[in-house]
Protein backbone atom coordinates (compact mmCIF):
# COMPACT_ATOMS: atom_id res chain seq x y z
CA VAL A 1 39.80 79.77 103.07
CA LYS A 2 43.28 80.97 103.87
CA ASP A 3 43.76 84.75 103.89
CA SER A 4 40.16 85.50 102.92
CA GLU A 5 39.14 88.90 104.26
CA LYS A 6 35.99 91.00 104.29
CA THR A 7 35.56 94.58 105.52
CA PHE A 8 32.43 95.41 107.48
CA LYS A 9 31.09 98.89 108.10
CA ALA A 10 28.31 99.74 110.55
CA LYS A 11 25.90 102.56 109.81
CA VAL A 12 24.65 103.97 113.10
CA LYS A 13 21.20 105.59 112.96
CA GLY A 14 19.01 107.26 115.54
CA GLU A 15 19.75 109.04 118.76
CA GLY A 16 21.85 107.84 121.61
CA ASP A 17 25.21 108.09 123.24
CA PHE A 18 27.68 106.12 121.17
CA ARG A 19 30.75 107.76 122.73
CA GLU A 20 31.69 104.52 124.48
CA GLY A 21 32.22 102.91 121.09
CA PHE A 22 31.56 99.43 119.79
CA GLU A 23 32.73 95.84 120.16
CA TRP A 24 33.00 93.29 117.32
CA TYR A 25 32.23 89.61 117.84
CA VAL A 26 32.55 86.44 115.76
CA ASN A 27 30.09 83.75 116.90
CA ASP A 28 29.74 85.63 120.21
CA ILE A 29 33.51 85.60 120.81
CA LEU A 30 34.93 89.11 121.25
CA GLY A 31 37.39 89.55 118.37
CA GLY A 32 36.92 85.92 117.25
CA ASN A 33 39.60 83.22 117.25
CA SER A 34 41.53 80.90 114.93
CA VAL A 35 38.61 78.45 114.60
CA VAL A 36 35.83 80.88 113.58
CA GLY A 37 38.02 83.65 112.18
CA THR A 38 39.04 86.98 113.64
CA ILE A 39 37.68 90.50 113.37
CA THR A 40 39.82 93.59 113.90
CA PRO A 41 38.24 97.05 114.45
CA ARG A 42 39.49 100.01 112.42
CA LYS A 43 39.29 103.78 112.88
CA ASN A 44 36.40 104.69 115.20
CA GLU A 45 35.33 101.03 115.57
CA LYS A 46 32.50 101.43 113.04
CA ARG A 47 34.65 99.47 110.58
CA ALA A 48 36.29 96.11 111.05
CA ILE A 49 38.10 93.52 108.95
CA TYR A 50 37.06 89.88 109.24
CA LYS A 51 39.69 87.28 108.38
CA ALA A 52 38.43 83.75 107.76
CA PRO A 53 40.09 80.81 109.53
CA SER A 54 43.05 79.27 107.70
CA ILE A 55 41.47 75.79 107.95
CA PRO A 56 37.96 75.73 106.44
CA PRO A 57 35.28 74.10 108.55
CA ASN A 58 33.94 70.71 107.56
CA PRO A 59 31.01 70.65 107.08
CA SER A 60 30.24 74.15 105.82
CA THR A 61 29.18 76.58 108.51
CA ILE A 62 27.60 79.98 109.02
CA ILE A 63 29.65 82.52 110.94
CA ILE A 64 27.81 85.36 112.70
CA ILE A 65 29.48 88.78 112.85
CA LYS A 66 28.05 91.13 115.49
CA ILE A 67 28.78 94.75 116.34
CA LYS A 68 27.51 95.82 119.75
CA SER A 69 27.31 99.21 121.43
CA ARG A 70 29.41 99.38 124.60
CA GLY A 71 26.99 101.90 126.09
CA ASP A 72 23.90 99.72 125.58
CA SER A 73 24.45 96.04 124.82
CA SER A 74 20.86 95.70 123.55
CA ARG A 75 21.92 97.81 120.54
CA TYR A 76 23.64 95.62 117.97
CA GLY A 77 23.74 94.58 114.33
CA ILE A 78 24.57 91.23 112.74
CA ALA A 79 25.81 89.80 109.45
CA GLU A 80 26.16 86.21 108.30
CA ILE A 81 29.09 84.66 106.43
CA MET A 82 28.79 81.21 104.88
CA ILE A 83 32.12 79.40 104.86
CA LYS A 84 32.38 76.36 102.61
CA LYS A 85 35.36 74.17 101.94
CA GLU A 86 37.85 76.19 99.89
CA LYS A 87 35.56 79.24 99.47
CA TRP A 88 33.33 81.56 101.41
CA THR A 89 30.43 83.86 100.66
CA CYS A 90 29.12 86.79 102.61
CA LYS A 91 25.42 87.41 103.13
CA VAL A 92 24.98 90.64 105.05
CA ASN A 93 21.77 91.20 107.00
CA LYS A 94 21.99 95.01 107.05
CA LEU A 95 24.70 95.49 109.63
CA SER A 96 23.51 98.45 111.67
CA VAL A 97 22.95 99.35 115.29
CA PRO A 98 19.15 99.61 115.82
CA ASN A 99 17.68 103.05 116.48
CA TYR A 100 17.52 104.56 119.91
CA ARG A 101 14.08 105.93 120.71
């Protein structure tokens, strides 16, 4: 899966104070690592680029991408990426920070 990349963009809806920004996680690891892949925030942190690990997992695995509000950690969105040997697919579960009420 060497050099495979995917750009993620969060659409923030609702009211709330998002001035503190966002954090991106790969399998609950801030920024990811070489085993699960890395994610690098862009611009105002609502966008990030995921880079798959250079050695594909065996067996296939699902990677969870999470964006979390720094101001309220209960506000987050997730996406799933299926990584298979020599290829990967991305199944996005509407990556968005849930509404503030």
